[in-house]
Amino acid sequence: MATSPAPNAHPQGHSLLRLTLMGLLAAIISALIPATTMLALSDYQFYASPHVGEVTGTALQNYAEDLPSALVAAFLWYIPIGTFVFPPVAKLVGANTGSSLARLIKFIVLAAVIWLVVGETIYVVLSPLAPAPPGVQQNDLITAALSGVLFAVI
């Protein structure tokens, strides 16, 4: 009588190559979302009343002019970390194993921590050159952690 093999109690994690490719794809998607939406949200004229044609046209023109630099900044923020830092660290700490919900929660926490540490490192390196006004660093670090969460969810 043949018996089927017992399922593994601990499913095997993803390979580093698979994590890296998934990280690259998630980084690209993660860069596109904030670059396009945050740029629109940051320009108060973008949502001006529609009866003012000049303001709307100017807002769209400003948006089109600023979009390439916003995309470059977003890609510089997401792709290096999401492709070259996050996958090896996830593999090293074992965040790539477990059930799907547990793995997602581990990825979210890990990504938030990594992006927070990278944001803090940028402030430590740049603060002697250009100190930030009070409160800006805290807001930027919260945004950095949230961008890591966005990356992990994607």
N, C-alpha and C. Protein backbone atom coordinates (compact mmCIF):
# COMPACT_ATOMS: atom_id res chain seq x y z
N MET A 1 0.83 -1.16 0.00
CA MET A 1 0.00 0.00 0.00
C MET A 1 0.89 1.25 0.00
N ALA A 2 0.74 2.06 -1.00
CA ALA A 2 1.56 3.26 -1.13
C ALA A 2 0.89 4.41 -0.40
N THR A 3 1.69 5.15 0.30
CA THR A 3 1.16 6.33 0.97
C THR A 3 1.75 7.57 0.32
N SER A 4 0.99 8.60 0.35
CA SER A 4 1.49 9.85 -0.23
C SER A 4 2.43 10.50 0.76
N PRO A 5 3.43 11.21 0.25
CA PRO A 5 4.37 11.87 1.16
C PRO A 5 3.65 12.94 1.98
N ALA A 6 4.06 13.06 3.21
CA ALA A 6 3.47 14.07 4.10
C ALA A 6 3.89 15.46 3.64
N PRO A 7 2.96 16.40 3.71
CA PRO A 7 3.36 17.76 3.33
C PRO A 7 4.38 18.31 4.31
N ASN A 8 5.26 19.15 3.79
CA ASN A 8 6.29 19.76 4.64
C ASN A 8 5.64 20.65 5.68
N ALA A 9 6.10 20.55 6.90
CA ALA A 9 5.59 21.43 7.95
C ALA A 9 6.04 22.87 7.70
N HIS A 10 7.24 23.00 7.13
CA HIS A 10 7.76 24.33 6.81
C HIS A 10 8.01 24.40 5.31
N PRO A 11 7.15 25.09 4.56
CA PRO A 11 7.38 25.15 3.12
C PRO A 11 8.71 25.83 2.80
N GLN A 12 9.33 25.37 1.73
CA GLN A 12 10.62 25.93 1.33
C GLN A 12 10.42 27.36 0.84
N GLY A 13 11.37 28.22 1.16
CA GLY A 13 11.29 29.62 0.75
C GLY A 13 11.64 29.79 -0.72
N HIS A 14 11.41 30.98 -1.21
CA HIS A 14 11.72 31.30 -2.59
C HIS A 14 13.23 31.45 -2.76
N SER A 15 13.71 31.18 -3.95
CA SER A 15 15.14 31.34 -4.23
C SER A 15 15.49 32.83 -4.30
N LEU A 16 16.77 33.11 -4.15
CA LEU A 16 17.23 34.50 -4.20
C LEU A 16 16.97 35.11 -5.57
N LEU A 17 17.15 34.35 -6.63
CA LEU A 17 16.88 34.86 -7.98
C LEU A 17 15.41 35.23 -8.13
N ARG A 18 14.53 34.37 -7.65
CA ARG A 18 13.09 34.67 -7.75
C ARG A 18 12.75 35.90 -6.92
N LEU A 19 13.30 35.99 -5.71
CA LEU A 19 13.06 37.17 -4.88
C LEU A 19 13.58 38.44 -5.55
N THR A 20 14.73 38.35 -6.20
CA THR A 20 15.32 39.51 -6.87
C THR A 20 14.44 39.94 -8.04
N LEU A 21 13.98 38.99 -8.83
CA LEU A 21 13.11 39.34 -9.96
C LEU A 21 11.77 39.90 -9.48
N MET A 22 11.22 39.30 -8.43
CA MET A 22 9.98 39.84 -7.86
C MET A 22 10.22 41.23 -7.28
N GLY A 23 11.40 41.43 -6.68
CA GLY A 23 11.74 42.74 -6.13
C GLY A 23 11.87 43.80 -7.21
N LEU A 24 12.46 43.42 -8.35
CA LEU A 24 12.58 44.36 -9.46
C LEU A 24 11.21 44.75 -9.99
N LEU A 25 10.34 43.77 -10.19
CA LEU A 25 8.99 44.06 -10.68
C LEU A 25 8.21 44.91 -9.69
N ALA A 26 8.27 44.55 -8.41
CA ALA A 26 7.59 45.33 -7.38
C ALA A 26 8.16 46.74 -7.29
N ALA A 27 9.48 46.88 -7.48
CA ALA A 27 10.11 48.20 -7.42
C ALA A 27 9.63 49.08 -8.57
N ILE A 28 9.51 48.50 -9.76
CA ILE A 28 9.03 49.28 -10.91
C ILE A 28 7.60 49.74 -10.68
N ILE A 29 6.75 48.83 -10.26
CA ILE A 29 5.34 49.19 -10.01
C ILE A 29 5.26 50.18 -8.85
N SER A 30 6.04 49.93 -7.80
CA SER A 30 6.03 50.83 -6.64
C SER A 30 6.53 52.22 -6.99
N ALA A 31 7.41 52.34 -7.94
CA ALA A 31 7.91 53.65 -8.36
C ALA A 31 6.88 54.40 -9.18
N LEU A 32 6.16 53.69 -10.02
CA LEU A 32 5.17 54.34 -10.89
C LEU A 32 3.99 54.92 -10.11
N ILE A 33 3.54 54.20 -9.10
CA ILE A 33 2.36 54.64 -8.35
C ILE A 33 2.60 55.96 -7.64
N PRO A 34 3.61 56.07 -6.76
CA PRO A 34 3.79 57.35 -6.07
C PRO A 34 4.26 58.48 -6.98
N ALA A 35 5.06 58.16 -7.99
CA ALA A 35 5.56 59.23 -8.86
C ALA A 35 4.41 59.94 -9.56
N THR A 36 3.44 59.17 -10.00
CA THR A 36 2.32 59.78 -10.73
C THR A 36 1.29 60.39 -9.81
N THR A 37 0.98 59.72 -8.70
CA THR A 37 -0.08 60.24 -7.83
C THR A 37 0.41 61.35 -6.91
N MET A 38 1.59 61.17 -6.31
CA MET A 38 2.07 62.19 -5.38
C MET A 38 2.36 63.51 -6.08
N LEU A 39 2.79 63.44 -7.31
CA LEU A 39 3.04 64.67 -8.07
C LEU A 39 1.73 65.43 -8.26
N ALA A 40 0.66 64.70 -8.59
CA ALA A 40 -0.64 65.35 -8.77
C ALA A 40 -1.16 65.90 -7.44
N LEU A 41 -0.97 65.13 -6.37
CA LEU A 41 -1.45 65.57 -5.06
C LEU A 41 -0.68 66.76 -4.52
N SER A 42 0.57 66.90 -4.92
CA SER A 42 1.39 68.00 -4.39
C SER A 42 1.11 69.33 -5.07
N ASP A 43 0.45 69.31 -6.21
CA ASP A 43 0.16 70.56 -6.93
C ASP A 43 -1.29 70.95 -6.68
N TYR A 44 -1.49 71.98 -5.87
CA TYR A 44 -2.85 72.38 -5.52
C TYR A 44 -3.64 72.83 -6.76
N GLN A 45 -2.96 73.32 -7.79
CA GLN A 45 -3.65 73.77 -8.99
C GLN A 45 -4.16 72.60 -9.83
N PHE A 46 -3.64 71.40 -9.60
CA PHE A 46 -4.04 70.24 -10.38
C PHE A 46 -5.53 69.96 -10.18
N TYR A 47 -6.04 70.27 -8.98
CA TYR A 47 -7.45 70.02 -8.67
C TYR A 47 -8.26 71.31 -8.61
N ALA A 48 -7.81 72.35 -9.29
CA ALA A 48 -8.54 73.61 -9.31
C ALA A 48 -9.88 73.41 -9.99
N SER A 49 -10.79 74.32 -9.75
CA SER A 49 -12.13 74.19 -10.33
C SER A 49 -12.03 74.18 -11.86
N PRO A 50 -12.82 73.33 -12.51
CA PRO A 50 -12.69 73.14 -13.95
C PRO A 50 -13.07 74.35 -14.78
N HIS A 51 -13.82 75.30 -14.24
CA HIS A 51 -14.22 76.45 -15.05
C HIS A 51 -13.07 77.42 -15.30
N VAL A 52 -11.98 77.26 -14.61
CA VAL A 52 -10.82 78.12 -14.82
C VAL A 52 -9.87 77.36 -15.76
N GLY A 53 -10.03 77.54 -17.03
CA GLY A 53 -9.29 76.81 -18.05
C GLY A 53 -7.79 77.04 -18.00
N GLU A 54 -7.38 78.28 -17.73
CA GLU A 54 -5.95 78.57 -17.70
C GLU A 54 -5.25 77.84 -16.57
N VAL A 55 -5.87 77.82 -15.40
CA VAL A 55 -5.25 77.16 -14.25
C VAL A 55 -5.12 75.67 -14.52
N THR A 56 -6.18 75.05 -15.05
CA THR A 56 -6.14 73.62 -15.33
C THR A 56 -5.09 73.31 -16.39
N GLY A 57 -5.03 74.11 -17.45
CA GLY A 57 -4.03 73.90 -18.49
C GLY A 57 -2.63 74.06 -17.96
N THR A 58 -2.42 75.06 -17.11
CA THR A 58 -1.11 75.28 -16.52
C THR A 58 -0.75 74.12 -15.59
N ALA A 59 -1.72 73.65 -14.81
CA ALA A 59 -1.46 72.54 -13.90
C ALA A 59 -1.08 71.29 -14.67
N LEU A 60 -1.76 71.02 -15.76
CA LEU A 60 -1.43 69.85 -16.57
C LEU A 60 -0.06 70.00 -17.23
N GLN A 61 0.24 71.21 -17.67
CA GLN A 61 1.55 71.45 -18.27
C GLN A 61 2.66 71.27 -17.22
N ASN A 62 2.44 71.81 -16.01
CA ASN A 62 3.43 71.64 -14.94
C ASN A 62 3.60 70.17 -14.58
N TYR A 63 2.48 69.45 -14.55
CA TYR A 63 2.52 68.02 -14.24
C TYR A 63 3.34 67.28 -15.29
N ALA A 64 3.09 67.56 -16.55
CA ALA A 64 3.82 66.90 -17.64
C ALA A 64 5.31 67.24 -17.60
N GLU A 65 5.64 68.47 -17.22
CA GLU A 65 7.05 68.87 -17.14
C GLU A 65 7.76 68.23 -15.95
N ASP A 66 7.04 68.06 -14.82
CA ASP A 66 7.65 67.54 -13.60
C ASP A 66 7.65 66.01 -13.53
N LEU A 67 6.82 65.36 -14.34
CA LEU A 67 6.69 63.91 -14.25
C LEU A 67 8.01 63.16 -14.51
N PRO A 68 8.80 63.52 -15.53
CA PRO A 68 10.05 62.78 -15.73
C PRO A 68 10.99 62.81 -14.52
N SER A 69 11.13 63.97 -13.88
CA SER A 69 12.02 64.03 -12.71
C SER A 69 11.43 63.27 -11.53
N ALA A 70 10.11 63.29 -11.39
CA ALA A 70 9.47 62.51 -10.33
C ALA A 70 9.65 61.02 -10.55
N LEU A 71 9.57 60.58 -11.81
CA LEU A 71 9.79 59.17 -12.13
C LEU A 71 11.24 58.76 -11.85
N VAL A 72 12.18 59.60 -12.22
CA VAL A 72 13.59 59.29 -11.96
C VAL A 72 13.83 59.17 -10.46
N ALA A 73 13.30 60.12 -9.69
CA ALA A 73 13.49 60.08 -8.23
C ALA A 73 12.85 58.83 -7.64
N ALA A 74 11.66 58.47 -8.10
CA ALA A 74 10.99 57.28 -7.58
C ALA A 74 11.75 56.01 -7.96
N PHE A 75 12.24 55.95 -9.18
CA PHE A 75 13.02 54.77 -9.58
C PHE A 75 14.32 54.69 -8.79
N LEU A 76 14.97 55.82 -8.52
CA LEU A 76 16.19 55.82 -7.71
C LEU A 76 15.92 55.40 -6.27
N TRP A 77 14.71 55.63 -5.80
CA TRP A 77 14.36 55.27 -4.42
C TRP A 77 13.97 53.79 -4.32
N TYR A 78 13.22 53.29 -5.28
CA TYR A 78 12.69 51.92 -5.17
C TYR A 78 13.57 50.84 -5.79
N ILE A 79 14.13 51.08 -6.96
CA ILE A 79 14.80 49.99 -7.68
C ILE A 79 16.07 49.50 -6.98
N PRO A 80 16.99 50.35 -6.57
CA PRO A 80 18.19 49.79 -5.93
C PRO A 80 17.87 49.02 -4.64
N ILE A 81 17.02 49.58 -3.81
CA ILE A 81 16.69 48.92 -2.54
C ILE A 81 15.85 47.68 -2.79
N GLY A 82 14.83 47.81 -3.63
CA GLY A 82 13.92 46.70 -3.88
C GLY A 82 14.54 45.55 -4.64
N THR A 83 15.58 45.83 -5.42
CA THR A 83 16.20 44.79 -6.22
C THR A 83 17.45 44.22 -5.57
N PHE A 84 18.27 45.06 -4.96
CA PHE A 84 19.57 44.60 -4.49
C PHE A 84 19.71 44.50 -2.96
N VAL A 85 18.86 45.17 -2.21
CA VAL A 85 18.96 45.13 -0.75
C VAL A 85 17.88 44.22 -0.15
N PHE A 86 16.63 44.46 -0.51
CA PHE A 86 15.53 43.72 0.10
C PHE A 86 15.59 42.21 -0.12
N PRO A 87 15.79 41.71 -1.36
CA PRO A 87 15.77 40.24 -1.54
C PRO A 87 16.84 39.49 -0.73
N PRO A 88 18.11 39.93 -0.73
CA PRO A 88 19.08 39.18 0.08
C PRO A 88 18.78 39.24 1.58
N VAL A 89 18.31 40.38 2.06
CA VAL A 89 17.99 40.50 3.48
C VAL A 89 16.79 39.61 3.82
N ALA A 90 15.79 39.60 2.94
CA ALA A 90 14.62 38.75 3.16
C ALA A 90 15.02 37.28 3.21
N LYS A 91 15.91 36.90 2.31
CA LYS A 91 16.40 35.51 2.29
C LYS A 91 17.22 35.22 3.55
N LEU A 92 18.06 36.15 3.96
CA LEU A 92 18.92 35.97 5.12
C LEU A 92 18.12 35.80 6.41
N VAL A 93 17.11 36.62 6.61
CA VAL A 93 16.33 36.56 7.86
C VAL A 93 15.17 35.57 7.77
N GLY A 94 14.97 34.96 6.62
CA GLY A 94 13.93 33.95 6.48
C GLY A 94 12.52 34.50 6.33
N ALA A 95 12.42 35.74 5.87
CA ALA A 95 11.10 36.35 5.68
C ALA A 95 10.37 35.75 4.49
N ASN A 96 11.05 34.98 3.68
CA ASN A 96 10.45 34.41 2.48
C ASN A 96 9.86 33.04 2.72
N THR A 97 9.74 32.62 3.97
CA THR A 97 9.16 31.31 4.28
C THR A 97 7.88 31.50 5.09
N GLY A 98 7.09 30.46 5.15
CA GLY A 98 5.86 30.48 5.94
C GLY A 98 4.64 30.55 5.05
N SER A 99 3.49 30.62 5.71
CA SER A 99 2.24 30.72 4.95
C SER A 99 2.16 32.07 4.26
N SER A 100 1.22 32.19 3.36
CA SER A 100 1.16 33.42 2.56
C SER A 100 0.91 34.65 3.41
N LEU A 101 0.03 34.59 4.40
CA LEU A 101 -0.24 35.76 5.24
C LEU A 101 0.96 36.07 6.13
N ALA A 102 1.53 35.03 6.73
CA ALA A 102 2.71 35.25 7.59
C ALA A 102 3.87 35.81 6.78
N ARG A 103 4.06 35.30 5.56
CA ARG A 103 5.14 35.78 4.71
C ARG A 103 4.90 37.24 4.33
N LEU A 104 3.66 37.60 4.01
CA LEU A 104 3.34 38.98 3.66
C LEU A 104 3.61 39.92 4.84
N ILE A 105 3.23 39.49 6.03
CA ILE A 105 3.46 40.33 7.21
C ILE A 105 4.96 40.49 7.46
N LYS A 106 5.73 39.41 7.30
CA LYS A 106 7.19 39.51 7.46
C LYS A 106 7.79 40.44 6.41
N PHE A 107 7.32 40.33 5.16
CA PHE A 107 7.80 41.21 4.10
C PHE A 107 7.48 42.67 4.41
N ILE A 108 6.27 42.93 4.89
CA ILE A 108 5.86 44.31 5.18
C ILE A 108 6.74 44.91 6.28
N VAL A 109 6.92 44.17 7.37
CA VAL A 109 7.74 44.68 8.48
C VAL A 109 9.18 44.88 8.02
N LEU A 110 9.72 43.89 7.32
CA LEU A 110 11.11 43.99 6.85
C LEU A 110 11.29 45.16 5.90
N ALA A 111 10.39 45.33 4.95
CA ALA A 111 10.50 46.44 3.99
C ALA A 111 10.39 47.78 4.69
N ALA A 112 9.46 47.90 5.63
CA ALA A 112 9.33 49.17 6.36
C ALA A 112 10.62 49.49 7.11
N VAL A 113 11.21 48.48 7.73
CA VAL A 113 12.46 48.71 8.47
C VAL A 113 13.60 49.08 7.53
N ILE A 114 13.72 48.36 6.41
CA ILE A 114 14.81 48.64 5.47
C ILE A 114 14.68 50.06 4.91
N TRP A 115 13.50 50.45 4.45
CA TRP A 115 13.34 51.79 3.89
C TRP A 115 13.53 52.85 4.96
N LEU A 116 13.13 52.58 6.20
CA LEU A 116 13.35 53.52 7.29
C LEU A 116 14.85 53.69 7.56
N VAL A 117 15.58 52.59 7.58
CA VAL A 117 17.03 52.65 7.81
C VAL A 117 17.73 53.39 6.67
N VAL A 118 17.32 53.12 5.44
CA VAL A 118 17.92 53.83 4.30
C VAL A 118 17.62 55.33 4.40
N GLY A 119 16.38 55.68 4.75
CA GLY A 119 16.03 57.09 4.92
C GLY A 119 16.85 57.75 6.01
N GLU A 120 17.01 57.07 7.13
CA GLU A 120 17.81 57.61 8.23
C GLU A 120 19.27 57.75 7.82
N THR A 121 19.78 56.79 7.08
CA THR A 121 21.16 56.86 6.60
C THR A 121 21.36 58.07 5.69
N ILE A 122 20.40 58.32 4.84
CA ILE A 122 20.49 59.49 3.96
C ILE A 122 20.54 60.77 4.80
N TYR A 123 19.72 60.84 5.85
CA TYR A 123 19.74 62.03 6.71
C TYR A 123 21.06 62.15 7.46
N VAL A 124 21.60 61.05 7.94
CA VAL A 124 22.88 61.11 8.67
C VAL A 124 23.99 61.61 7.74
N VAL A 125 23.99 61.13 6.50
CA VAL A 125 25.04 61.52 5.55
C VAL A 125 24.87 62.96 5.10
N LEU A 126 23.64 63.37 4.83
CA LEU A 126 23.41 64.70 4.26
C LEU A 126 23.22 65.81 5.29
N SER A 127 22.91 65.49 6.53
CA SER A 127 22.63 66.54 7.51
C SER A 127 23.79 67.49 7.75
N PRO A 128 25.06 67.05 7.71
CA PRO A 128 26.13 68.04 7.85
C PRO A 128 26.19 69.01 6.67
N LEU A 129 25.75 68.55 5.50
CA LEU A 129 25.81 69.40 4.31
C LEU A 129 24.60 70.33 4.21
N ALA A 130 23.44 69.82 4.55
CA ALA A 130 22.21 70.61 4.44
C ALA A 130 21.22 70.16 5.51
N PRO A 131 21.27 70.78 6.70
CA PRO A 131 20.37 70.37 7.76
C PRO A 131 18.91 70.62 7.39
N ALA A 132 18.06 69.69 7.77
CA ALA A 132 16.63 69.80 7.47
C ALA A 132 15.94 70.65 8.53
N PRO A 133 14.89 71.37 8.14
CA PRO A 133 14.12 72.12 9.14
C PRO A 133 13.48 71.16 10.16
N PRO A 134 13.14 71.67 11.34
CA PRO A 134 12.56 70.81 12.38
C PRO A 134 11.27 70.13 11.88
N GLY A 135 11.13 68.86 12.20
CA GLY A 135 9.93 68.10 11.84
C GLY A 135 9.97 67.44 10.48
N VAL A 136 10.81 67.92 9.60
CA VAL A 136 10.86 67.37 8.24
C VAL A 136 11.44 65.96 8.27
N GLN A 137 12.48 65.75 9.06
CA GLN A 137 13.11 64.43 9.10
C GLN A 137 12.12 63.37 9.58
N GLN A 138 11.37 63.67 10.62
CA GLN A 138 10.40 62.70 11.13
C GLN A 138 9.35 62.36 10.07
N ASN A 139 8.83 63.38 9.40
CA ASN A 139 7.84 63.14 8.35
C ASN A 139 8.43 62.34 7.19
N ASP A 140 9.66 62.65 6.83
CA ASP A 140 10.31 61.91 5.74
C ASP A 140 10.56 60.45 6.12
N LEU A 141 10.92 60.20 7.37
CA LEU A 141 11.17 58.82 7.79
C LEU A 141 9.87 58.02 7.86
N ILE A 142 8.79 58.65 8.25
CA ILE A 142 7.49 57.97 8.22
C ILE A 142 7.11 57.65 6.79
N THR A 143 7.33 58.59 5.89
CA THR A 143 7.05 58.37 4.47
C THR A 143 7.94 57.26 3.91
N ALA A 144 9.20 57.21 4.34
CA ALA A 144 10.11 56.16 3.88
C ALA A 144 9.60 54.79 4.32
N ALA A 145 9.18 54.67 5.57
CA ALA A 145 8.66 53.39 6.06
C ALA A 145 7.38 53.01 5.31
N LEU A 146 6.53 53.97 5.06
CA LEU A 146 5.30 53.68 4.30
C LEU A 146 5.59 53.28 2.86
N SER A 147 6.64 53.85 2.27
CA SER A 147 7.00 53.45 0.92
C SER A 147 7.51 52.02 0.91
N GLY A 148 8.17 51.59 1.98
CA GLY A 148 8.57 50.20 2.10
C GLY A 148 7.37 49.28 2.22
N VAL A 149 6.36 49.72 2.94
CA VAL A 149 5.12 48.94 3.05
C VAL A 149 4.46 48.80 1.69
N LEU A 150 4.40 49.90 0.93
CA LEU A 150 3.82 49.84 -0.41
C LEU A 150 4.58 48.82 -1.27
N PHE A 151 5.89 48.87 -1.22
CA PHE A 151 6.71 47.93 -1.97
C PHE A 151 6.38 46.48 -1.57
N ALA A 152 6.32 46.20 -0.28
CA ALA A 152 6.09 44.84 0.19
C ALA A 152 4.71 44.33 -0.21
N VAL A 153 3.72 45.18 -0.15
CA VAL A 153 2.37 44.75 -0.53
C VAL A 153 2.30 44.45 -2.01
N ILE A 154 2.96 45.26 -2.81
CA ILE A 154 2.97 45.02 -4.27
C ILE A 154 3.76 43.77 -4.55
